[in-house]
Amino acid sequence: MDTVQDLFGKKIKAIRRARDITQEKLADLSGLSLQYIGEIERGRRNPSLTSIEQLSQALDIPMAELFSLEEFRLAPEELRAILMRQIESADEDRLRTFFSMAQVIFR
């Protein structure tokens, strides 16, 4: 079972990758060291609230969203089921948006 530190690190890494930002760039944007960023992403560091605020500003995301860790607590089959339900119920605009996002992610 992953610890909160592990889940938080996965969240930071997922957001960073989704925004196509390197660890080096995130370190530069946040004012945190490259080593510290890597340790956070690997769940080896427990960042302070100040560091979390710096990460949220660098990633341009509300701090509260960084603590939403549910997607990392779900099993892959649960994630698939949720995504399928969302896709099946999506209107045309949301479906096209999801398709565009998926094109970028799965390139």
Protein backbone atom coordinates (compact mmCIF):
# COMPACT_ATOMS: atom_id res chain seq x y z
CA MET A 1 0.00 0.00 0.00
CA ASP A 2 1.36 3.39 -0.98
CA THR A 3 1.91 6.00 1.69
CA VAL A 4 0.50 9.52 1.42
CA GLN A 5 4.01 10.66 0.49
CA ASP A 6 4.11 8.11 -2.36
CA LEU A 7 0.68 9.20 -3.62
CA PHE A 8 1.56 12.88 -3.39
CA GLY A 9 4.75 12.27 -5.34
CA LYS A 10 2.83 10.39 -8.03
CA LYS A 11 0.38 13.30 -8.25
CA ILE A 12 3.17 15.85 -8.73
CA LYS A 13 4.82 13.66 -11.35
CA ALA A 14 1.55 13.09 -13.23
CA ILE A 15 0.74 16.81 -13.35
CA ARG A 16 4.28 17.68 -14.36
CA ARG A 17 4.27 15.13 -17.18
CA ALA A 18 0.78 16.14 -18.34
CA ARG A 19 2.10 19.68 -18.71
CA ASP A 20 5.22 18.43 -20.49
CA ILE A 21 7.50 19.96 -17.85
CA THR A 22 10.84 18.39 -16.93
CA GLN A 23 11.94 18.02 -13.34
CA GLU A 24 14.61 20.61 -14.10
CA LYS A 25 12.03 23.11 -15.32
CA LEU A 26 9.78 22.46 -12.30
CA ALA A 27 12.76 23.02 -10.01
CA ASP A 28 13.45 26.31 -11.78
CA LEU A 29 9.81 27.44 -11.69
CA SER A 30 9.31 26.49 -8.04
CA GLY A 31 12.65 27.57 -6.62
CA LEU A 32 13.15 24.08 -5.21
CA SER A 33 16.18 21.95 -5.99
CA LEU A 34 16.14 19.31 -8.71
CA GLN A 35 17.13 16.66 -6.16
CA TYR A 36 14.26 17.69 -3.87
CA ILE A 37 11.75 17.49 -6.74
CA GLY A 38 12.98 13.98 -7.58
CA GLU A 39 12.76 12.88 -3.95
CA ILE A 40 9.20 14.24 -3.65
CA GLU A 41 8.14 12.41 -6.82
CA ARG A 42 9.62 9.16 -5.51
CA GLY A 43 7.83 9.58 -2.16
CA ARG A 44 11.10 9.93 -0.25
CA ARG A 45 10.46 13.44 1.04
CA ASN A 46 7.62 14.92 3.01
CA PRO A 47 7.38 18.45 1.61
CA SER A 48 6.50 21.38 3.85
CA LEU A 49 3.43 23.48 3.23
CA THR A 50 5.73 26.19 1.88
CA SER A 51 7.20 23.73 -0.65
CA ILE A 52 3.72 22.54 -1.61
CA GLU A 53 2.67 26.15 -2.16
CA GLN A 54 5.73 26.70 -4.37
CA LEU A 55 4.86 23.58 -6.39
CA SER A 56 1.23 24.64 -6.78
CA GLN A 57 2.29 28.07 -8.04
CA ALA A 58 4.88 26.58 -10.41
CA LEU A 59 2.32 24.13 -11.80
CA ASP A 60 -0.40 26.82 -11.83
CA ILE A 61 -2.78 24.60 -9.88
CA PRO A 62 -4.64 25.21 -6.60
CA MET A 63 -2.94 23.69 -3.56
CA ALA A 64 -6.12 21.80 -2.69
CA GLU A 65 -5.99 19.96 -6.00
CA LEU A 66 -2.56 18.59 -5.14
CA PHE A 67 -4.16 16.77 -2.21
CA SER A 68 -6.78 15.04 -4.35
CA LEU A 69 -5.13 11.62 -4.50
CA GLU A 70 -8.06 9.31 -5.25
CA GLU A 71 -6.94 8.43 -8.79
CA PHE A 72 -3.85 6.83 -7.28
CA ARG A 73 -5.81 4.80 -4.73
CA LEU A 74 -8.03 3.13 -7.33
CA ALA A 75 -7.16 -0.11 -9.08
CA PRO A 76 -6.61 0.10 -12.86
CA GLU A 77 -9.92 -1.66 -13.59
CA GLU A 78 -11.77 0.87 -11.41
CA LEU A 79 -10.11 3.73 -13.28
CA ARG A 80 -11.11 2.18 -16.63
CA ALA A 81 -14.71 1.77 -15.50
CA ILE A 82 -14.92 5.38 -14.32
CA LEU A 83 -13.38 6.68 -17.54
CA MET A 84 -15.69 4.55 -19.68
CA ARG A 85 -18.76 5.84 -17.83
CA GLN A 86 -17.57 9.42 -18.28
CA ILE A 87 -16.87 8.89 -21.98
CA GLU A 88 -20.22 7.18 -22.57
CA SER A 89 -22.16 10.01 -20.91
CA ALA A 90 -20.13 12.87 -22.42
CA ASP A 91 -21.69 15.38 -24.77
CA GLU A 92 -19.98 16.05 -28.10
CA ASP A 93 -17.83 18.94 -26.83
CA ARG A 94 -16.48 16.98 -23.88
CA LEU A 95 -15.92 13.93 -26.04
CA ARG A 96 -13.87 15.98 -28.51
CA THR A 97 -11.90 17.55 -25.65
CA PHE A 98 -11.18 14.13 -24.16
CA PHE A 99 -10.14 12.84 -27.59
CA SER A 100 -7.73 15.75 -28.05
CA MET A 101 -6.23 15.16 -24.60
CA ALA A 102 -5.88 11.45 -25.26
CA GLN A 103 -4.11 12.17 -28.55
CA VAL A 104 -1.48 14.15 -26.66
CA ILE A 105 -1.13 11.62 -23.85
CA PHE A 106 -0.85 8.56 -26.08
CA ARG A 107 1.40 10.02 -28.77
